[in-house]
Amino acid sequence: MTTPARTLVDVADVVGPRVLKKVLEQAEILRLDGTPVPLPGRRGYGRLTKALAELGPSVALTWSELEDAFMALCAAAGLPAPVASLTIQGMMIDFCWPEHRLAVEIDSWRYHGTRAAFRRDRRRSARLHIAGWGLLRFTDTDLIDDPGYVARTAATALASVGWIRVR
């Protein structure tokens, strides 16, 4: 029997990059990634180190840091300032533009990476949809690592409700 970390090093030695990425994603799903520390001197060390670097670190920002980041992103992109932490349909929504019934949720793996959270998020999405709200879901990693994607998507959604024009 070996530890998950040792098993990942051993697997990295015998599979290609595409399979290794899938193995690492599955290890994360199973919460076996808490210590995927490459073991120097073992075959597979280099491949595992490279694969882990490509996956990147998980973002661990506080809610206020995420809120600040999203508000700054909207301002920098020339988007109207959203309302933060508004209750809609009995649910606290991260951000929204109420007059256009468009909501934004920023999901982190830390708080949304369980089966219960997965189910709860889908139910929340359905409740908003039934109530006539559009909903965009972004990850905390999207917000930090790919703010252009977040800004373009929000701008396109706002354009679809007639608020702004997409350039």
N, C-alpha and C. Protein backbone atom coordinates (compact mmCIF):
# COMPACT_ATOMS: atom_id res chain seq x y z
N MET A 1 0.85 -1.17 0.00
CA MET A 1 0.00 0.00 0.00
C MET A 1 0.90 1.24 0.00
N THR A 2 0.52 2.22 -0.85
CA THR A 2 1.30 3.45 -0.91
C THR A 2 0.41 4.64 -0.62
N THR A 3 1.01 5.77 -0.31
CA THR A 3 0.26 7.00 -0.08
C THR A 3 -0.26 7.53 -1.41
N PRO A 4 -1.27 8.38 -1.38
CA PRO A 4 -1.73 8.98 -2.64
C PRO A 4 -0.60 9.72 -3.37
N ALA A 5 0.24 10.42 -2.62
CA ALA A 5 1.34 11.17 -3.25
C ALA A 5 2.29 10.23 -3.99
N ARG A 6 2.65 9.14 -3.36
CA ARG A 6 3.55 8.17 -3.98
C ARG A 6 2.89 7.52 -5.19
N THR A 7 1.61 7.21 -5.08
CA THR A 7 0.88 6.61 -6.19
C THR A 7 0.85 7.55 -7.38
N LEU A 8 0.64 8.85 -7.13
CA LEU A 8 0.63 9.82 -8.22
C LEU A 8 1.99 9.89 -8.92
N VAL A 9 3.06 9.82 -8.16
CA VAL A 9 4.39 9.81 -8.77
C VAL A 9 4.56 8.56 -9.62
N ASP A 10 4.15 7.42 -9.10
CA ASP A 10 4.27 6.17 -9.85
C ASP A 10 3.43 6.20 -11.13
N VAL A 11 2.21 6.72 -11.03
CA VAL A 11 1.34 6.82 -12.21
C VAL A 11 1.96 7.77 -13.24
N ALA A 12 2.52 8.87 -12.76
CA ALA A 12 3.14 9.85 -13.67
C ALA A 12 4.25 9.23 -14.50
N ASP A 13 4.88 8.19 -13.96
CA ASP A 13 5.97 7.54 -14.67
C ASP A 13 5.50 6.67 -15.83
N VAL A 14 4.24 6.24 -15.80
CA VAL A 14 3.81 5.26 -16.80
C VAL A 14 2.68 5.72 -17.72
N VAL A 15 2.16 6.93 -17.52
CA VAL A 15 1.09 7.42 -18.39
C VAL A 15 1.53 8.71 -19.08
N GLY A 16 0.82 9.06 -20.13
CA GLY A 16 1.11 10.29 -20.84
C GLY A 16 0.49 11.50 -20.16
N PRO A 17 0.80 12.70 -20.65
CA PRO A 17 0.32 13.94 -20.03
C PRO A 17 -1.20 14.06 -19.96
N ARG A 18 -1.90 13.63 -21.01
CA ARG A 18 -3.37 13.74 -21.02
C ARG A 18 -3.99 12.86 -19.95
N VAL A 19 -3.52 11.63 -19.84
CA VAL A 19 -4.04 10.71 -18.82
C VAL A 19 -3.65 11.21 -17.42
N LEU A 20 -2.43 11.71 -17.28
CA LEU A 20 -1.99 12.20 -15.97
C LEU A 20 -2.87 13.37 -15.52
N LYS A 21 -3.22 14.25 -16.42
CA LYS A 21 -4.11 15.36 -16.07
C LYS A 21 -5.45 14.84 -15.56
N LYS A 22 -5.99 13.83 -16.24
CA LYS A 22 -7.26 13.25 -15.80
C LYS A 22 -7.12 12.58 -14.43
N VAL A 23 -6.00 11.91 -14.21
CA VAL A 23 -5.75 11.26 -12.91
C VAL A 23 -5.69 12.32 -11.82
N LEU A 24 -5.00 13.42 -12.06
CA LEU A 24 -4.90 14.49 -11.06
C LEU A 24 -6.26 15.13 -10.79
N GLU A 25 -7.05 15.31 -11.85
CA GLU A 25 -8.40 15.86 -11.66
C GLU A 25 -9.25 14.91 -10.83
N GLN A 26 -9.13 13.61 -11.09
CA GLN A 26 -9.89 12.63 -10.31
C GLN A 26 -9.41 12.60 -8.86
N ALA A 27 -8.10 12.71 -8.66
CA ALA A 27 -7.55 12.75 -7.30
C ALA A 27 -8.10 13.95 -6.54
N GLU A 28 -8.24 15.06 -7.24
CA GLU A 28 -8.81 16.25 -6.60
C GLU A 28 -10.26 16.03 -6.23
N ILE A 29 -11.02 15.42 -7.14
CA ILE A 29 -12.43 15.11 -6.85
C ILE A 29 -12.54 14.22 -5.62
N LEU A 30 -11.66 13.24 -5.52
CA LEU A 30 -11.68 12.31 -4.39
C LEU A 30 -11.00 12.86 -3.15
N ARG A 31 -10.53 14.10 -3.26
CA ARG A 31 -9.85 14.76 -2.14
C ARG A 31 -8.55 14.03 -1.76
N LEU A 32 -7.91 13.42 -2.75
CA LEU A 32 -6.64 12.74 -2.52
C LEU A 32 -5.47 13.63 -2.87
N ASP A 33 -5.79 14.88 -3.23
CA ASP A 33 -4.75 15.78 -3.69
C ASP A 33 -4.17 16.64 -2.58
N GLY A 34 -4.53 16.38 -1.34
CA GLY A 34 -4.03 17.19 -0.24
C GLY A 34 -2.53 17.17 -0.13
N THR A 35 -1.91 16.06 -0.54
CA THR A 35 -0.46 15.96 -0.51
C THR A 35 0.11 15.37 -1.79
N PRO A 36 -0.22 15.95 -2.94
CA PRO A 36 0.37 15.41 -4.16
C PRO A 36 1.78 15.97 -4.35
N VAL A 37 2.58 15.87 -3.31
CA VAL A 37 3.93 16.43 -3.36
C VAL A 37 4.82 15.48 -4.13
N PRO A 38 5.41 15.97 -5.21
CA PRO A 38 6.34 15.12 -5.95
C PRO A 38 7.49 14.67 -5.06
N LEU A 39 7.94 13.45 -5.27
CA LEU A 39 9.02 12.90 -4.46
C LEU A 39 10.30 12.90 -5.28
N PRO A 40 11.23 13.83 -4.97
CA PRO A 40 12.48 13.90 -5.74
C PRO A 40 13.19 12.54 -5.76
N GLY A 41 13.77 12.26 -6.90
CA GLY A 41 14.52 11.01 -7.03
C GLY A 41 13.69 9.85 -7.51
N ARG A 42 12.39 9.98 -7.50
CA ARG A 42 11.51 8.90 -7.98
C ARG A 42 11.25 9.11 -9.45
N ARG A 43 11.13 8.02 -10.20
CA ARG A 43 10.72 8.13 -11.59
C ARG A 43 9.33 8.74 -11.60
N GLY A 44 9.05 9.60 -12.53
CA GLY A 44 7.74 10.26 -12.62
C GLY A 44 7.73 11.63 -11.95
N TYR A 45 8.79 11.93 -11.18
CA TYR A 45 8.85 13.20 -10.45
C TYR A 45 8.72 14.40 -11.39
N GLY A 46 9.48 14.40 -12.46
CA GLY A 46 9.45 15.53 -13.39
C GLY A 46 8.10 15.70 -14.06
N ARG A 47 7.52 14.59 -14.51
CA ARG A 47 6.20 14.66 -15.16
C ARG A 47 5.14 15.16 -14.20
N LEU A 48 5.16 14.66 -12.97
CA LEU A 48 4.17 15.09 -11.99
C LEU A 48 4.35 16.56 -11.64
N THR A 49 5.58 17.00 -11.48
CA THR A 49 5.86 18.41 -11.17
C THR A 49 5.30 19.30 -12.28
N LYS A 50 5.54 18.92 -13.53
CA LYS A 50 5.06 19.70 -14.67
C LYS A 50 3.52 19.72 -14.71
N ALA A 51 2.90 18.55 -14.51
CA ALA A 51 1.44 18.47 -14.55
C ALA A 51 0.81 19.30 -13.44
N LEU A 52 1.38 19.25 -12.25
CA LEU A 52 0.85 20.05 -11.14
C LEU A 52 1.00 21.54 -11.43
N ALA A 53 2.10 21.94 -12.02
CA ALA A 53 2.30 23.35 -12.36
C ALA A 53 1.28 23.81 -13.40
N GLU A 54 0.94 22.94 -14.35
CA GLU A 54 -0.05 23.29 -15.38
C GLU A 54 -1.44 23.43 -14.79
N LEU A 55 -1.76 22.62 -13.78
CA LEU A 55 -3.07 22.74 -13.13
C LEU A 55 -3.17 24.03 -12.35
N GLY A 56 -2.04 24.49 -11.82
CA GLY A 56 -2.00 25.75 -11.08
C GLY A 56 -2.52 25.60 -9.67
N PRO A 57 -2.19 26.57 -8.83
CA PRO A 57 -2.65 26.53 -7.45
C PRO A 57 -4.13 26.86 -7.36
N SER A 58 -4.76 26.38 -6.32
CA SER A 58 -6.14 26.78 -6.10
C SER A 58 -6.14 28.16 -5.47
N VAL A 59 -7.13 28.94 -5.82
CA VAL A 59 -7.24 30.29 -5.30
C VAL A 59 -7.94 30.21 -3.96
N ALA A 60 -7.44 30.93 -2.97
CA ALA A 60 -8.06 30.90 -1.65
C ALA A 60 -8.24 32.32 -1.14
N LEU A 61 -9.13 33.06 -1.80
CA LEU A 61 -9.39 34.43 -1.40
C LEU A 61 -10.59 34.48 -0.47
N THR A 62 -10.61 35.48 0.40
CA THR A 62 -11.77 35.68 1.26
C THR A 62 -12.90 36.25 0.40
N TRP A 63 -14.12 36.23 0.95
CA TRP A 63 -15.25 36.79 0.21
C TRP A 63 -14.99 38.26 -0.11
N SER A 64 -14.49 39.01 0.84
CA SER A 64 -14.28 40.44 0.60
C SER A 64 -13.24 40.65 -0.49
N GLU A 65 -12.21 39.80 -0.56
CA GLU A 65 -11.21 39.93 -1.63
C GLU A 65 -11.83 39.60 -3.00
N LEU A 66 -12.68 38.58 -3.04
CA LEU A 66 -13.37 38.25 -4.29
C LEU A 66 -14.31 39.37 -4.70
N GLU A 67 -15.02 39.92 -3.72
CA GLU A 67 -15.94 41.02 -3.99
C GLU A 67 -15.17 42.22 -4.55
N ASP A 68 -14.07 42.57 -3.90
CA ASP A 68 -13.25 43.68 -4.38
C ASP A 68 -12.74 43.41 -5.79
N ALA A 69 -12.30 42.19 -6.05
CA ALA A 69 -11.76 41.84 -7.37
C ALA A 69 -12.84 41.94 -8.45
N PHE A 70 -14.05 41.47 -8.16
CA PHE A 70 -15.11 41.53 -9.16
C PHE A 70 -15.54 42.98 -9.41
N MET A 71 -15.66 43.75 -8.35
CA MET A 71 -16.05 45.16 -8.51
C MET A 71 -14.98 45.91 -9.32
N ALA A 72 -13.71 45.64 -9.04
CA ALA A 72 -12.62 46.29 -9.78
C ALA A 72 -12.63 45.85 -11.24
N LEU A 73 -12.89 44.58 -11.48
CA LEU A 73 -12.96 44.07 -12.85
C LEU A 73 -14.07 44.79 -13.62
N CYS A 74 -15.23 44.93 -13.00
CA CYS A 74 -16.35 45.61 -13.67
C CYS A 74 -15.97 47.06 -14.00
N ALA A 75 -15.36 47.74 -13.05
CA ALA A 75 -14.95 49.14 -13.28
C ALA A 75 -13.92 49.22 -14.40
N ALA A 76 -12.93 48.35 -14.37
CA ALA A 76 -11.86 48.37 -15.39
C ALA A 76 -12.42 48.05 -16.78
N ALA A 77 -13.45 47.21 -16.84
CA ALA A 77 -14.03 46.82 -18.12
C ALA A 77 -15.10 47.81 -18.60
N GLY A 78 -15.36 48.85 -17.81
CA GLY A 78 -16.38 49.82 -18.18
C GLY A 78 -17.79 49.31 -18.01
N LEU A 79 -17.96 48.29 -17.17
CA LEU A 79 -19.29 47.74 -16.91
C LEU A 79 -19.94 48.52 -15.77
N PRO A 80 -21.26 48.58 -15.76
CA PRO A 80 -21.93 49.23 -14.64
C PRO A 80 -21.61 48.49 -13.34
N ALA A 81 -21.56 49.21 -12.25
CA ALA A 81 -21.27 48.58 -10.96
C ALA A 81 -22.46 47.70 -10.55
N PRO A 82 -22.20 46.43 -10.24
CA PRO A 82 -23.29 45.58 -9.78
C PRO A 82 -23.59 45.84 -8.31
N VAL A 83 -24.74 45.37 -7.88
CA VAL A 83 -25.09 45.39 -6.46
C VAL A 83 -24.52 44.10 -5.86
N ALA A 84 -23.86 44.20 -4.74
CA ALA A 84 -23.27 43.02 -4.09
C ALA A 84 -24.17 42.55 -2.95
N SER A 85 -24.21 41.24 -2.78
CA SER A 85 -24.88 40.60 -1.63
C SER A 85 -26.33 41.02 -1.49
N LEU A 86 -27.09 40.85 -2.55
CA LEU A 86 -28.52 41.16 -2.53
C LEU A 86 -29.31 39.87 -2.37
N THR A 87 -30.39 39.92 -1.60
CA THR A 87 -31.24 38.75 -1.43
C THR A 87 -32.30 38.72 -2.53
N ILE A 88 -32.32 37.62 -3.26
CA ILE A 88 -33.28 37.41 -4.34
C ILE A 88 -33.90 36.04 -4.13
N GLN A 89 -35.22 35.97 -4.15
CA GLN A 89 -35.91 34.70 -3.96
C GLN A 89 -35.46 34.02 -2.66
N GLY A 90 -35.18 34.81 -1.65
CA GLY A 90 -34.77 34.27 -0.36
C GLY A 90 -33.32 33.78 -0.31
N MET A 91 -32.55 34.08 -1.35
CA MET A 91 -31.16 33.62 -1.42
C MET A 91 -30.23 34.82 -1.53
N MET A 92 -29.13 34.79 -0.79
CA MET A 92 -28.13 35.84 -0.92
C MET A 92 -27.34 35.58 -2.20
N ILE A 93 -27.38 36.55 -3.11
CA ILE A 93 -26.71 36.43 -4.40
C ILE A 93 -25.45 37.29 -4.35
N ASP A 94 -24.36 36.78 -4.91
CA ASP A 94 -23.09 37.48 -4.84
C ASP A 94 -23.16 38.87 -5.47
N PHE A 95 -23.59 38.95 -6.73
CA PHE A 95 -23.68 40.22 -7.44
C PHE A 95 -24.87 40.19 -8.37
N CYS A 96 -25.43 41.36 -8.64
CA CYS A 96 -26.51 41.41 -9.63
C CYS A 96 -26.71 42.82 -10.14
N TRP A 97 -27.39 42.88 -11.25
CA TRP A 97 -27.88 44.11 -11.82
C TRP A 97 -29.40 43.94 -11.78
N PRO A 98 -30.05 44.35 -10.67
CA PRO A 98 -31.47 44.04 -10.45
C PRO A 98 -32.41 44.53 -11.54
N GLU A 99 -32.17 45.74 -12.05
CA GLU A 99 -33.08 46.27 -13.05
C GLU A 99 -33.05 45.48 -14.36
N HIS A 100 -32.05 44.63 -14.52
CA HIS A 100 -31.96 43.78 -15.71
C HIS A 100 -32.04 42.30 -15.39
N ARG A 101 -32.31 42.03 -14.12
CA ARG A 101 -32.52 40.65 -13.66
C ARG A 101 -31.37 39.72 -14.08
N LEU A 102 -30.16 40.22 -13.89
CA LEU A 102 -28.96 39.44 -14.19
C LEU A 102 -28.14 39.30 -12.92
N ALA A 103 -27.85 38.05 -12.55
CA ALA A 103 -27.12 37.75 -11.32
C ALA A 103 -25.79 37.09 -11.66
N VAL A 104 -24.83 37.25 -10.76
CA VAL A 104 -23.51 36.64 -10.90
C VAL A 104 -23.16 35.95 -9.59
N GLU A 105 -22.72 34.71 -9.69
CA GLU A 105 -22.22 33.98 -8.54
C GLU A 105 -20.75 33.64 -8.80
N ILE A 106 -19.92 33.86 -7.79
CA ILE A 106 -18.51 33.50 -7.86
C ILE A 106 -18.32 32.29 -6.95
N ASP A 107 -17.98 31.17 -7.54
CA ASP A 107 -17.88 29.91 -6.80
C ASP A 107 -16.42 29.50 -6.62
N SER A 108 -16.06 29.20 -5.39
CA SER A 108 -14.72 28.67 -5.12
C SER A 108 -14.85 27.17 -4.85
N TRP A 109 -13.80 26.45 -5.18
CA TRP A 109 -13.79 25.01 -4.93
C TRP A 109 -13.91 24.75 -3.44
N ARG A 110 -13.31 25.61 -2.65
CA ARG A 110 -13.31 25.44 -1.20
C ARG A 110 -14.73 25.34 -0.64
N TYR A 111 -15.64 26.18 -1.14
CA TYR A 111 -17.00 26.21 -0.61
C TYR A 111 -18.03 25.56 -1.52
N HIS A 112 -17.66 25.26 -2.75
CA HIS A 112 -18.63 24.71 -3.69
C HIS A 112 -18.19 23.36 -4.25
N GLY A 113 -17.16 22.75 -3.69
CA GLY A 113 -16.59 21.53 -4.23
C GLY A 113 -17.04 20.26 -3.52
N THR A 114 -18.27 20.24 -3.07
CA THR A 114 -18.80 19.01 -2.45
C THR A 114 -20.09 18.62 -3.16
N ARG A 115 -20.55 17.41 -2.93
CA ARG A 115 -21.81 16.97 -3.54
C ARG A 115 -22.97 17.83 -3.05
N ALA A 116 -22.98 18.14 -1.77
CA ALA A 116 -24.07 18.96 -1.23
C ALA A 116 -24.07 20.35 -1.86
N ALA A 117 -22.90 20.94 -2.01
CA ALA A 117 -22.81 22.27 -2.63
C ALA A 117 -23.20 22.21 -4.10
N PHE A 118 -22.76 21.16 -4.78
CA PHE A 118 -23.10 20.98 -6.19
C PHE A 118 -24.62 20.96 -6.36
N ARG A 119 -25.29 20.19 -5.52
CA ARG A 119 -26.75 20.08 -5.58
C ARG A 119 -27.40 21.41 -5.23
N ARG A 120 -26.93 22.04 -4.17
CA ARG A 120 -27.49 23.32 -3.71
C ARG A 120 -27.34 24.39 -4.81
N ASP A 121 -26.18 24.43 -5.46
CA ASP A 121 -25.95 25.43 -6.51
C ASP A 121 -26.90 25.24 -7.68
N ARG A 122 -27.17 23.99 -8.06
CA ARG A 122 -28.09 23.75 -9.16
C ARG A 122 -29.50 24.16 -8.79
N ARG A 123 -29.89 23.90 -7.55
CA ARG A 123 -31.22 24.32 -7.10
C ARG A 123 -31.35 25.84 -7.07
N ARG A 124 -30.29 26.50 -6.62
CA ARG A 124 -30.30 27.96 -6.61
C ARG A 124 -30.43 28.49 -8.04
N SER A 125 -29.67 27.90 -8.96
CA SER A 125 -29.73 28.32 -10.36
C SER A 125 -31.14 28.13 -10.92
N ALA A 126 -31.76 27.01 -10.62
CA ALA A 126 -33.11 26.74 -11.11
C ALA A 126 -34.11 27.74 -10.54
N ARG A 127 -34.01 28.04 -9.25
CA ARG A 127 -34.92 29.02 -8.63
C ARG A 127 -34.80 30.38 -9.29
N LEU A 128 -33.58 30.81 -9.57
CA LEU A 128 -33.40 32.10 -10.23
C LEU A 128 -33.97 32.07 -11.65
N HIS A 129 -33.69 31.00 -12.36
CA HIS A 129 -34.19 30.87 -13.73
C HIS A 129 -35.72 30.92 -13.77
N ILE A 130 -36.36 30.17 -12.90
CA ILE A 130 -37.82 30.15 -12.84
C ILE A 130 -38.38 31.53 -12.52
N ALA A 131 -37.65 32.29 -11.70
CA ALA A 131 -38.09 33.63 -11.32
C ALA A 131 -37.76 34.67 -12.40
N GLY A 132 -37.18 34.22 -13.52
CA GLY A 132 -36.93 35.12 -14.62
C GLY A 132 -35.59 35.85 -14.56
N TRP A 133 -34.66 35.31 -13.79
CA TRP A 133 -33.33 35.91 -13.69
C TRP A 133 -32.34 35.16 -14.56
N GLY A 134 -31.44 35.91 -15.19
CA GLY A 134 -30.29 35.29 -15.84
C GLY A 134 -29.21 35.11 -14.78
N LEU A 135 -28.42 34.09 -14.93
CA LEU A 135 -27.37 33.81 -13.95
C LEU A 135 -26.08 33.44 -14.65
N LEU A 136 -25.02 34.12 -14.25
CA LEU A 136 -23.67 33.77 -14.70
C LEU A 136 -22.93 33.20 -13.50
N ARG A 137 -22.25 32.08 -13.69
CA ARG A 137 -21.43 31.49 -12.64
C ARG A 137 -19.98 31.52 -13.11
N PHE A 138 -19.13 32.09 -12.27
CA PHE A 138 -17.70 32.10 -12.53
C PHE A 138 -17.01 31.44 -11.35
N THR A 139 -15.83 30.93 -11.58
CA THR A 139 -15.04 30.41 -10.47
C THR A 139 -14.12 31.51 -9.98
N ASP A 140 -13.65 31.34 -8.75
CA ASP A 140 -12.68 32.29 -8.22
C ASP A 140 -11.42 32.28 -9.08
N THR A 141 -11.08 31.12 -9.62
CA THR A 141 -9.92 31.02 -10.49
C THR A 141 -10.14 31.79 -11.79
N ASP A 142 -11.36 31.73 -12.37
CA ASP A 142 -11.68 32.54 -13.55
C ASP A 142 -11.43 34.02 -13.25
N LEU A 143 -11.92 34.45 -12.12
CA LEU A 143 -11.83 35.86 -11.75
C LEU A 143 -10.39 36.33 -11.63
N ILE A 144 -9.54 35.49 -11.06
CA ILE A 144 -8.15 35.88 -10.84
C ILE A 144 -7.27 35.59 -12.06
N ASP A 145 -7.41 34.41 -12.65
CA ASP A 145 -6.51 34.00 -13.73
C ASP A 145 -6.97 34.40 -15.13
N ASP A 146 -8.27 34.64 -15.31
CA ASP A 146 -8.77 34.98 -16.64
C ASP A 146 -9.84 36.07 -16.55
N PRO A 147 -9.48 37.23 -16.01
CA PRO A 147 -10.48 38.29 -15.85
C PRO A 147 -11.07 38.76 -17.18
N GLY A 148 -10.32 38.62 -18.27
CA GLY A 148 -10.84 39.00 -19.58
C GLY A 148 -12.06 38.18 -19.95
N TYR A 149 -11.99 36.88 -19.68
CA TYR A 149 -13.14 35.99 -19.94
C TYR A 149 -14.35 36.44 -19.12
N VAL A 150 -14.14 36.73 -17.85
CA VAL A 150 -15.23 37.15 -16.96
C VAL A 150 -15.83 38.46 -17.48
N ALA A 151 -14.98 39.42 -17.81
CA ALA A 151 -15.45 40.73 -18.28
C ALA A 151 -16.22 40.59 -19.60
N ARG A 152 -15.67 39.82 -20.54
CA ARG A 152 -16.35 39.63 -21.85
C ARG A 152 -17.71 38.96 -21.67
N THR A 153 -17.75 37.94 -20.82
CA THR A 153 -19.00 37.21 -20.61
C THR A 153 -20.04 38.10 -19.95
N ALA A 154 -19.64 38.85 -18.93
CA ALA A 154 -20.57 39.76 -18.26
C ALA A 154 -21.04 40.84 -19.23
N ALA A 155 -20.13 41.39 -20.03
CA ALA A 155 -20.50 42.42 -21.00
C ALA A 155 -21.50 41.87 -22.03
N THR A 156 -21.25 40.66 -22.51
CA THR A 156 -22.15 40.05 -23.49
C THR A 156 -23.53 39.81 -22.87
N ALA A 157 -23.54 39.34 -21.63
CA ALA A 157 -24.83 39.11 -20.96
C ALA A 157 -25.57 40.42 -20.75
N LEU A 158 -24.86 41.47 -20.34
CA LEU A 158 -25.50 42.77 -20.17
C LEU A 158 -26.01 43.31 -21.51
N ALA A 159 -25.26 43.07 -22.58
CA ALA A 159 -25.71 43.50 -23.90
C ALA A 159 -26.97 42.77 -24.31
N SER A 160 -27.09 41.51 -23.91
CA SER A 160 -28.26 40.71 -24.30
C SER A 160 -29.53 41.20 -23.62
N VAL A 161 -29.38 41.92 -22.51
CA VAL A 161 -30.57 42.48 -21.83
C VAL A 161 -30.71 43.96 -22.17
N GLY A 162 -29.91 44.43 -23.16
CA GLY A 162 -30.07 45.77 -23.67
C GLY A 162 -29.46 46.89 -22.86
N TRP A 163 -28.58 46.54 -21.93
CA TRP A 163 -28.02 47.59 -21.10
C TRP A 163 -26.84 48.29 -21.78
N ILE A 164 -25.94 47.52 -22.34
CA ILE A 164 -24.77 48.10 -22.96
C ILE A 164 -24.54 47.45 -24.31
N ARG A 165 -23.67 48.05 -25.08
CA ARG A 165 -23.27 47.48 -26.35
C ARG A 165 -21.92 46.81 -26.20
N VAL A 166 -21.77 45.66 -26.82
CA VAL A 166 -20.48 44.98 -26.83
C VAL A 166 -19.64 45.62 -27.91
N ARG A 167 -18.39 45.92 -27.56
CA ARG A 167 -17.49 46.57 -28.53
C ARG A 167 -16.91 45.56 -29.48
